[in-house]
C-alpha atoms as a PDB file:
ATOM      1  CA  LEU A   1     -40.689 -14.722  40.737  1.00  0.00           C
ATOM      2  CA  LYS A   2     -44.518 -15.539  39.244  1.00  0.00           C
ATOM      3  CA  HIS A   3     -47.224 -13.346  39.676  1.00  0.00           C
ATOM      4  CA  PHE A   4     -50.398 -13.900  40.879  1.00  0.00           C
ATOM      5  CA  TRP A   5     -54.364 -12.026  41.207  1.00  0.00           C
ATOM      6  CA  VAL A   6     -55.713 -11.024  43.686  1.00  0.00           C
ATOM      7  CA  CYS A   7     -58.955 -13.198  44.492  1.00  0.00           C
ATOM      8  CA  LEU A   8     -60.613 -11.774  47.328  1.00  0.00           C
ATOM      9  CA  ASP A   9     -63.772 -13.773  49.141  1.00  0.00           C
ATOM     10  CA  ARG A  10     -66.373 -11.460  48.612  1.00  0.00           C
ATOM     11  CA  SER A  11     -69.293 -13.512  49.628  1.00  0.00           C
ATOM     12  CA  THR A  12     -69.103 -12.511  53.259  1.00  0.00           C
ATOM     13  CA  MET A  13     -68.298  -9.503  53.789  1.00  0.00           C
ATOM     14  CA  ASP A  14     -70.482  -6.286  54.661  1.00  0.00           C
ATOM     15  CA  ASP A  15     -71.022  -3.087  56.058  1.00  0.00           C
ATOM     16  CA  ASP A  16     -69.409  -4.319  59.267  1.00  0.00           C
ATOM     17  CA  ASP A  17     -66.766  -6.099  58.010  1.00  0.00           C
ATOM     18  CA  ASP A  18     -63.315  -5.304  59.413  1.00  0.00           C
ATOM     19  CA  LEU A  19     -60.286  -4.996  56.844  1.00  0.00           C
ATOM     20  CA  ASP A  20     -57.979  -6.618  59.373  1.00  0.00           C
ATOM     21  CA  ASP A  21     -59.857  -9.821  59.026  1.00  0.00           C
ATOM     22  CA  HIS A  22     -61.100  -9.445  55.897  1.00  0.00           C
ATOM     23  CA  ILE A  23     -57.527  -9.706  54.110  1.00  0.00           C
ATOM     24  CA  GLN A  24     -56.403 -12.025  57.170  1.00  0.00           C
ATOM     25  CA  ALA A  25     -59.760 -14.624  56.477  1.00  0.00           C
ATOM     26  CA  SER A  26     -58.965 -14.636  52.123  1.00  0.00           C
ATOM     27  CA  CYS A  27     -55.512 -15.048  52.834  1.00  0.00           C
ATOM     28  CA  PHE A  28     -56.220 -18.711  54.106  1.00  0.00           C
ATOM     29  CA  ASN A  29     -59.006 -18.925  51.779  1.00  0.00           C
ATOM     30  CA  GLY A  30     -57.201 -19.089  48.793  1.00  0.00           C
ATOM     31  CA  LEU A  31     -56.445 -15.144  48.532  1.00  0.00           C
ATOM     32  CA  PHE A  32     -53.742 -15.651  46.134  1.00  0.00           C
ATOM     33  CA  ARG A  33     -54.124 -17.696  43.120  1.00  0.00           C
ATOM     34  CA  PRO A  34     -51.655 -19.212  40.594  1.00  0.00           C
ATOM     35  CA  LYS A  35     -52.509 -18.037  36.868  1.00  0.00           C
ATOM     36  CA  HIS A  36     -54.488 -21.151  35.008  1.00  0.00           C
ATOM     37  CA  ARG A  37     -52.300 -22.975  33.207  1.00  0.00           C
ATOM     38  CA  PRO A  38     -54.307 -25.634  31.504  1.00  0.00           C
ATOM     39  CA  SER A  39     -53.011 -29.676  31.612  1.00  0.00           C
ATOM     40  CA  LYS A  40     -51.483 -30.892  28.127  1.00  0.00           C
ATOM     41  CA  GLN A  41     -54.067 -33.029  26.300  1.00  0.00           C
ATOM     42  CA  ILE A  42     -53.826 -34.888  23.709  1.00  0.00           C
ATOM     43  CA  ASN A  43     -55.301 -34.604  20.190  1.00  0.00           C
ATOM     44  CA  SER A  44     -56.695 -31.287  21.643  1.00  0.00           C
ATOM     45  CA  PRO A  45     -58.255 -29.465  19.434  1.00  0.00           C
ATOM     46  CA  SER A  46     -56.108 -25.873  17.648  1.00  0.00           C
ATOM     47  CA  PRO A  47     -56.985 -22.435  19.647  1.00  0.00           C
ATOM     48  CA  PRO A  48     -59.326 -20.075  17.298  1.00  0.00           C
ATOM     49  CA  PRO A  49     -57.260 -17.748  15.217  1.00  0.00           C
ATOM     50  CA  PRO A  50     -56.836 -14.452  17.623  1.00  0.00           C
ATOM     51  CA  VAL A  51     -58.789 -11.495  17.404  1.00  0.00           C
ATOM     52  CA  PRO A  52     -57.810  -8.317  15.243  1.00  0.00           C
ATOM     53  CA  GLU A  53     -55.367  -6.042  16.561  1.00  0.00           C
ATOM     54  CA  ILE A  54     -58.630  -3.323  15.530  1.00  0.00           C
ATOM     55  CA  HIS A  55     -61.411  -4.697  18.111  1.00  0.00           C
ATOM     56  CA  ARG A  56     -59.266  -5.972  20.646  1.00  0.00           C
ATOM     57  CA  HIS A  57     -60.855  -4.067  23.993  1.00  0.00           C
ATOM     58  CA  PHE A  58     -59.580  -6.815  26.603  1.00  0.00           C
ATOM     59  CA  GLY A  59     -56.539  -7.541  27.520  1.00  0.00           C
ATOM     60  CA  VAL A  60     -54.302  -4.079  26.154  1.00  0.00           C
ATOM     61  CA  PRO A  61     -53.180  -0.743  28.299  1.00  0.00           C
ATOM     62  CA  LEU A  62     -54.982   2.168  28.030  1.00  0.00           C
ATOM     63  CA  GLU A  63     -51.878   3.724  25.992  1.00  0.00           C
ATOM     64  CA  THR A  64     -53.083   1.958  22.980  1.00  0.00           C
ATOM     65  CA  LEU A  65     -56.739   1.790  23.126  1.00  0.00           C
ATOM     66  CA  TYR A  66     -56.311   5.928  24.100  1.00  0.00           C
ATOM     67  CA  LYS A  67     -54.739   6.111  20.626  1.00  0.00           C
ATOM     68  CA  ASN A  68     -57.532   4.318  18.112  1.00  0.00           C
ATOM     69  CA  GLU A  69     -61.227   6.206  18.478  1.00  0.00           C
ATOM     70  CA  GLU A  70     -63.473   2.965  17.140  1.00  0.00           C
ATOM     71  CA  LEU A  71     -62.565   1.530  20.289  1.00  0.00           C
ATOM     72  CA  LEU A  72     -63.204   4.619  22.994  1.00  0.00           C
ATOM     73  CA  THR A  73     -66.433   6.903  23.236  1.00  0.00           C
ATOM     74  CA  LYS A  74     -67.572  11.184  23.927  1.00  0.00           C
ATOM     75  CA  THR A  75     -68.199  11.655  27.131  1.00  0.00           C
ATOM     76  CA  GLU A  76     -68.677  14.736  29.543  1.00  0.00           C
ATOM     77  CA  GLN A  77     -64.852  13.857  30.796  1.00  0.00           C
ATOM     78  CA  GLY A  78     -63.606  12.993  27.554  1.00  0.00           C
ATOM     79  CA  LEU A  79     -62.689  10.249  25.407  1.00  0.00           C
ATOM     80  CA  VAL A  80     -63.060   6.573  27.632  1.00  0.00           C
ATOM     81  CA  PRO A  81     -62.930   2.722  26.499  1.00  0.00           C
ATOM     82  CA  LEU A  82     -66.184   1.483  25.408  1.00  0.00           C
ATOM     83  CA  VAL A  83     -66.178  -1.490  27.661  1.00  0.00           C
ATOM     84  CA  ALA A  84     -66.156   0.625  30.633  1.00  0.00           C
ATOM     85  CA  TYR A  85     -68.386   2.726  29.528  1.00  0.00           C
ATOM     86  CA  HIS A  86     -70.842   1.167  27.969  1.00  0.00           C
ATOM     87  CA  CYS A  87     -71.067  -1.155  31.173  1.00  0.00           C
ATOM     88  CA  ILE A  88     -70.956   1.894  33.403  1.00  0.00           C
ATOM     89  CA  GLN A  89     -74.207   3.546  31.808  1.00  0.00           C
ATOM     90  CA  TYR A  90     -75.171  -0.039  32.274  1.00  0.00           C
ATOM     91  CA  LEU A  91     -74.934   0.118  36.311  1.00  0.00           C
ATOM     92  CA  ARG A  92     -75.871   3.829  36.450  1.00  0.00           C
ATOM     93  CA  ASN A  93     -79.311   2.966  36.724  1.00  0.00           C
ATOM     94  CA  ILE A  94     -81.207   4.094  39.589  1.00  0.00           C
ATOM     95  CA  THR A  95     -82.233   0.504  39.878  1.00  0.00           C
ATOM     96  CA  THR A  96     -79.194  -0.793  39.097  1.00  0.00           C
ATOM     97  CA  LEU A  97     -77.428   1.200  41.827  1.00  0.00           C
ATOM     98  CA  LYS A  98     -79.708   0.042  43.812  1.00  0.00           C
ATOM     99  CA  LEU A  99     -78.636  -3.115  43.538  1.00  0.00           C
ATOM    100  CA  GLU A 100     -77.131  -5.135  46.283  1.00  0.00           C
ATOM    101  CA  GLY A 101     -73.876  -6.237  46.685  1.00  0.00           C
ATOM    102  CA  MET A 102     -72.724  -4.521  43.062  1.00  0.00           C
ATOM    103  CA  PHE A 103     -69.046  -5.830  42.829  1.00  0.00           C
ATOM    104  CA  ARG A 104     -69.164  -8.753  45.357  1.00  0.00           C
ATOM    105  CA  VAL A 105     -71.759 -10.595  43.782  1.00  0.00           C
ATOM    106  CA  SER A 106     -70.484 -12.746  41.124  1.00  0.00           C
ATOM    107  CA  GLY A 107     -71.547 -12.813  37.848  1.00  0.00           C
ATOM    108  CA  THR A 108     -72.809 -15.627  35.443  1.00  0.00           C
ATOM    109  CA  TRP A 109     -69.285 -16.448  33.564  1.00  0.00           C
ATOM    110  CA  LYS A 110     -71.373 -18.479  31.007  1.00  0.00           C
ATOM    111  CA  GLU A 111     -72.571 -14.550  30.492  1.00  0.00           C
ATOM    112  CA  MET A 112     -69.513 -12.073  30.926  1.00  0.00           C
ATOM    113  CA  ASN A 113     -67.631 -14.665  28.539  1.00  0.00           C
ATOM    114  CA  THR A 114     -71.046 -14.042  25.539  1.00  0.00           C
ATOM    115  CA  MET A 115     -70.330  -9.805  26.590  1.00  0.00           C
ATOM    116  CA  LYS A 116     -66.893  -9.666  25.987  1.00  0.00           C
ATOM    117  CA  GLY A 117     -66.506 -11.576  22.330  1.00  0.00           C
ATOM    118  CA  ALA A 118     -69.006  -9.283  21.250  1.00  0.00           C
ATOM    119  CA  PHE A 119     -67.378  -6.852  21.740  1.00  0.00           C
ATOM    120  CA  GLU A 120     -64.147  -8.521  20.577  1.00  0.00           C
ATOM    121  CA  GLU A 121     -66.178  -8.698  17.547  1.00  0.00           C
ATOM    122  CA  GLY A 122     -66.524  -4.572  17.250  1.00  0.00           C
ATOM    123  CA  ASN A 123     -70.618  -4.977  18.113  1.00  0.00           C
ATOM    124  CA  ILE A 124     -72.191  -4.114  21.338  1.00  0.00           C
ATOM    125  CA  PRO A 125     -73.700  -6.331  23.527  1.00  0.00           C
ATOM    126  CA  ASN A 126     -77.543  -5.742  24.245  1.00  0.00           C
ATOM    127  CA  PHE A 127     -77.292  -6.009  28.155  1.00  0.00           C
ATOM    128  CA  SER A 128     -80.938  -6.092  27.775  1.00  0.00           C
ATOM    129  CA  THR A 129     -80.361 -10.236  27.220  1.00  0.00           C
ATOM    130  CA  CYS A 130     -78.972 -10.321  30.174  1.00  0.00           C
ATOM    131  CA  GLU A 131     -80.679 -12.602  32.976  1.00  0.00           C
ATOM    132  CA  ASN A 132     -77.556 -11.603  36.255  1.00  0.00           C
ATOM    133  CA  PRO A 133     -77.301  -7.482  36.692  1.00  0.00           C
ATOM    134  CA  HIS A 134     -74.166  -8.884  37.810  1.00  0.00           C
ATOM    135  CA  SER A 135     -72.607 -10.013  35.376  1.00  0.00           C
ATOM    136  CA  ILE A 136     -72.168  -6.621  33.626  1.00  0.00           C
ATOM    137  CA  ALA A 137     -70.733  -5.412  36.744  1.00  0.00           C
ATOM    138  CA  GLY A 138     -68.348  -8.319  36.191  1.00  0.00           C
ATOM    139  CA  LEU A 139     -67.583  -7.655  33.308  1.00  0.00           C
ATOM    140  CA  LEU A 140     -65.913  -3.855  34.284  1.00  0.00           C
ATOM    141  CA  GLU A 141     -64.423  -5.968  36.772  1.00  0.00           C
ATOM    142  CA  LEU A 142     -62.918  -8.102  33.737  1.00  0.00           C
ATOM    143  CA  PHE A 143     -62.056  -5.647  31.813  1.00  0.00           C
ATOM    144  CA  LEU A 144     -59.166  -3.173  34.941  1.00  0.00           C
ATOM    145  CA  ARG A 145     -57.880  -6.883  35.643  1.00  0.00           C
ATOM    146  CA  GLU A 146     -57.059  -7.544  32.187  1.00  0.00           C
ATOM    147  CA  LEU A 147     -55.288  -4.575  31.820  1.00  0.00           C
ATOM    148  CA  PRO A 148     -51.462  -5.355  31.515  1.00  0.00           C
ATOM    149  CA  ASP A 149     -50.753  -2.236  33.353  1.00  0.00           C
ATOM    150  CA  PRO A 150     -52.904  -1.141  36.000  1.00  0.00           C
ATOM    151  CA  VAL A 151     -55.306   2.455  36.459  1.00  0.00           C
ATOM    152  CA  LEU A 152     -52.967   3.418  39.411  1.00  0.00           C
ATOM    153  CA  SER A 153     -50.319   1.873  37.208  1.00  0.00           C
ATOM    154  CA  ASN A 154     -46.815   0.073  38.526  1.00  0.00           C
ATOM    155  CA  ARG A 155     -44.518   2.529  37.829  1.00  0.00           C
ATOM    156  CA  LEU A 156     -46.390   5.047  40.444  1.00  0.00           C
ATOM    157  CA  TYR A 157     -46.432   1.820  43.227  1.00  0.00           C
ATOM    158  CA  ASP A 158     -44.451   2.946  45.524  1.00  0.00           C
ATOM    159  CA  GLU A 159     -45.246   6.440  45.029  1.00  0.00           C
ATOM    160  CA  PHE A 160     -48.204   5.318  45.927  1.00  0.00           C
ATOM    161  CA  LEU A 161     -47.685   3.031  49.321  1.00  0.00           C
ATOM    162  CA  SER A 162     -45.536   6.354  50.742  1.00  0.00           C
ATOM    163  CA  VAL A 163     -48.727   8.268  50.759  1.00  0.00           C
ATOM    164  CA  GLY A 164     -49.948   5.405  53.361  1.00  0.00           C
ATOM    165  CA  ASP A 165     -47.023   6.402  55.660  1.00  0.00           C
ATOM    166  CA  LYS A 166     -48.531  10.004  55.675  1.00  0.00           C
ATOM    167  CA  PRO A 167     -49.964  11.359  58.012  1.00  0.00           C
ATOM    168  CA  GLU A 168     -54.206  11.508  57.244  1.00  0.00           C
ATOM    169  CA  GLN A 169     -54.369  14.784  57.097  1.00  0.00           C
ATOM    170  CA  GLU A 170     -51.510  15.135  54.047  1.00  0.00           C
ATOM    171  CA  ARG A 171     -52.928  11.847  52.415  1.00  0.00           C
ATOM    172  CA  VAL A 172     -55.304  13.735  49.995  1.00  0.00           C
ATOM    173  CA  ALA A 173     -52.519  16.328  48.956  1.00  0.00           C
ATOM    174  CA  ALA A 174     -50.182  14.256  48.498  1.00  0.00           C
ATOM    175  CA  MET A 175     -52.418  11.246  46.600  1.00  0.00           C
ATOM    176  CA  LYS A 176     -53.215  14.235  43.645  1.00  0.00           C
ATOM    177  CA  GLY A 177     -49.668  14.824  43.516  1.00  0.00           C
ATOM    178  CA  VAL A 178     -48.659  11.299  42.500  1.00  0.00           C
ATOM    179  CA  ILE A 179     -52.005  10.729  40.536  1.00  0.00           C
ATOM    180  CA  LYS A 180     -50.903  13.777  38.254  1.00  0.00           C
ATOM    181  CA  ARG A 181     -48.110  11.086  37.438  1.00  0.00           C
ATOM    182  CA  LEU A 182     -50.078   8.800  35.677  1.00  0.00           C
ATOM    183  CA  PRO A 183     -50.421   8.887  31.958  1.00  0.00           C
ATOM    184  CA  GLN A 184     -52.955  11.173  30.753  1.00  0.00           C
ATOM    185  CA  GLU A 185     -54.610   8.061  29.073  1.00  0.00           C
ATOM    186  CA  HIS A 186     -54.750   6.807  32.965  1.00  0.00           C
ATOM    187  CA  ILE A 187     -55.699  10.298  34.572  1.00  0.00           C
ATOM    188  CA  GLN A 188     -59.143  10.684  32.191  1.00  0.00           C
ATOM    189  CA  PHE A 189     -59.891   7.609  32.185  1.00  0.00           C
ATOM    190  CA  LEU A 190     -60.310   7.470  36.497  1.00  0.00           C
ATOM    191  CA  ARG A 191     -61.900  10.749  35.996  1.00  0.00           C
ATOM    192  CA  TYR A 192     -64.458   8.741  34.502  1.00  0.00           C
ATOM    193  CA  LEU A 193     -64.239   5.402  36.587  1.00  0.00           C
ATOM    194  CA  ILE A 194     -63.937   7.498  40.101  1.00  0.00           C
ATOM    195  CA  PRO A 195     -66.629   9.766  40.152  1.00  0.00           C
ATOM    196  CA  PHE A 196     -69.018   6.367  39.280  1.00  0.00           C
ATOM    197  CA  PHE A 197     -67.880   4.387  42.066  1.00  0.00           C
ATOM    198  CA  LYS A 198     -69.331   7.837  44.110  1.00  0.00           C
ATOM    199  CA  ASP A 199     -72.075   7.371  42.933  1.00  0.00           C
ATOM    200  CA  LEU A 200     -71.880   3.630  44.002  1.00  0.00           C
ATOM    201  CA  THR A 201     -72.194   4.877  47.889  1.00  0.00           C
ATOM    202  CA  ASN A 202     -74.395   7.335  47.870  1.00  0.00           C
ATOM    203  CA  HIS A 203     -76.608   4.146  47.324  1.00  0.00           C
ATOM    204  CA  SER A 204     -75.167   2.134  49.792  1.00  0.00           C
ATOM    205  CA  VAL A 205     -77.887   2.032  52.658  1.00  0.00           C
ATOM    206  CA  GLU A 206     -79.517   0.362  49.700  1.00  0.00           C
ATOM    207  CA  ASN A 207     -77.212  -1.857  47.796  1.00  0.00           C
ATOM    208  CA  LYS A 208     -74.207  -2.365  50.975  1.00  0.00           C
ATOM    209  CA  MET A 209     -71.324  -1.227  48.745  1.00  0.00           C
ATOM    210  CA  ASP A 210     -69.965   1.609  50.873  1.00  0.00           C
ATOM    211  CA  ALA A 211     -66.689   3.458  49.999  1.00  0.00           C
ATOM    212  CA  LYS A 212     -64.750   0.856  52.000  1.00  0.00           C
ATOM    213  CA  ASN A 213     -66.579  -1.516  50.465  1.00  0.00           C
ATOM    214  CA  LEU A 214     -65.106  -0.681  47.148  1.00  0.00           C
ATOM    215  CA  SER A 215     -61.945  -0.083  48.437  1.00  0.00           C
ATOM    216  CA  ILE A 216     -60.966  -3.300  49.516  1.00  0.00           C
ATOM    217  CA  ILE A 217     -62.796  -4.929  46.395  1.00  0.00           C
ATOM    218  CA  PHE A 218     -60.417  -2.264  43.615  1.00  0.00           C
ATOM    219  CA  GLY A 219     -57.886  -2.282  45.393  1.00  0.00           C
ATOM    220  CA  PRO A 220     -55.782  -4.934  44.432  1.00  0.00           C
ATOM    221  CA  ILE A 221     -57.681  -4.574  40.599  1.00  0.00           C
ATOM    222  CA  LEU A 222     -56.866  -0.803  40.157  1.00  0.00           C
ATOM    223  CA  PHE A 223     -53.253  -1.311  41.474  1.00  0.00           C
ATOM    224  CA  GLY A 224     -52.925  -4.451  40.103  1.00  0.00           C
ATOM    225  CA  GLY A 225     -51.528  -7.718  41.830  1.00  0.00           C
ATOM    226  CA  GLY A 226     -47.945  -8.574  43.843  1.00  0.00           C
ATOM    227  CA  GLU A 227     -45.869 -11.049  44.154  1.00  0.00           C
ATOM    228  CA  MET A 228     -47.884 -13.911  46.663  1.00  0.00           C
ATOM    229  CA  SER A 229     -45.280 -12.818  50.465  1.00  0.00           C
ATOM    230  CA  LEU A 230     -46.387 -11.456  53.507  1.00  0.00           C
ATOM    231  CA  LEU A 231     -44.749  -8.347  52.411  1.00  0.00           C
ATOM    232  CA  PHE A 232     -47.496  -7.745  50.108  1.00  0.00           C
ATOM    233  CA  MET A 233     -50.400  -9.034  52.186  1.00  0.00           C
ATOM    234  CA  ALA A 234     -49.623  -6.077  54.428  1.00  0.00           C
ATOM    235  CA  LYS A 235     -49.651  -4.294  51.285  1.00  0.00           C
ATOM    236  CA  LEU A 236     -53.099  -4.645  50.159  1.00  0.00           C
ATOM    237  CA  LYS A 237     -54.189  -2.278  53.649  1.00  0.00           C
ATOM    238  CA  THR A 238     -52.566   0.211  52.462  1.00  0.00           C
ATOM    239  CA  GLN A 239     -54.290   0.225  48.890  1.00  0.00           C
ATOM    240  CA  ALA A 240     -57.385  -0.332  50.246  1.00  0.00           C
ATOM    241  CA  ALA A 241     -57.365   2.816  52.293  1.00  0.00           C
ATOM    242  CA  LEU A 242     -55.788   4.867  49.433  1.00  0.00           C
ATOM    243  CA  VAL A 243     -58.803   3.630  46.428  1.00  0.00           C
ATOM    244  CA  GLU A 244     -61.424   4.813  49.504  1.00  0.00           C
ATOM    245  CA  ILE A 245     -59.179   8.638  49.522  1.00  0.00           C
ATOM    246  CA  LEU A 246     -60.053   8.329  46.057  1.00  0.00           C
ATOM    247  CA  ILE A 247     -63.633   7.409  46.219  1.00  0.00           C
ATOM    248  CA  LYS A 248     -64.564  10.024  48.819  1.00  0.00           C
ATOM    249  CA  PHE A 249     -62.672  12.855  48.177  1.00  0.00           C
ATOM    250  CA  CYS A 250     -62.343  12.082  44.059  1.00  0.00           C
ATOM    251  CA  ASP A 251     -63.285  15.700  43.520  1.00  0.00           C
ATOM    252  CA  GLU A 252     -60.514  17.136  44.483  1.00  0.00           C
ATOM    253  CA  VAL A 253     -57.759  14.183  43.752  1.00  0.00           C
ATOM    254  CA  LEU A 254     -59.312  14.029  40.197  1.00  0.00           C
ATOM    255  CA  LYS A 255     -59.407  17.773  39.452  1.00  0.00           C
END
């Protein structure tokens, strides 16, 4: 079976969106898109040489990143991948936190690709030269999307989904129990990433990104894409509900 990554239509999402309506609408507007396979070209140029492994930040398992301190930076929450750290540090600026539609509004692909290339070459891009601040949010999203094993790990996917079947008052404790079974690198990264999402929701009056809207966007990213099927489409609601719990109760779930 071929796998597809989920690309949600976020251009029309606002605070009053109903999750069921959003998922249903997205399904009929290209929710599932196959990975791009360029058509065969005659006399096409040779691909560029692979980036040296020591400088590869994107498309690398978290476990691999955490084995190379040159690709990490120290924070109060522990070691964090450089890409995520620099993106979040920039986005934590009080002005940027109030930016309307963060993660909902698309960034500029050219800017994102240039910044990605700088990281892969072992440099830190100068975010101050970025004309579209949404490009930095998009770069963080791209980093998360390209993880071979998503942050909430394919290995525990069924266990996470089972949390959604529990009574509402039991879900926080159940979520905490499954989180503890993640690889330590994933847990450490979550302790840096999710509080940032929580901070973002504290400014939802200005940025229009409350926990519900963030969970709709990041459910498929943190859990990973799925097979194109009606069954997976139905699971999107559960994914979003679990990420919403993670954001709202991060202090308890991740301690």
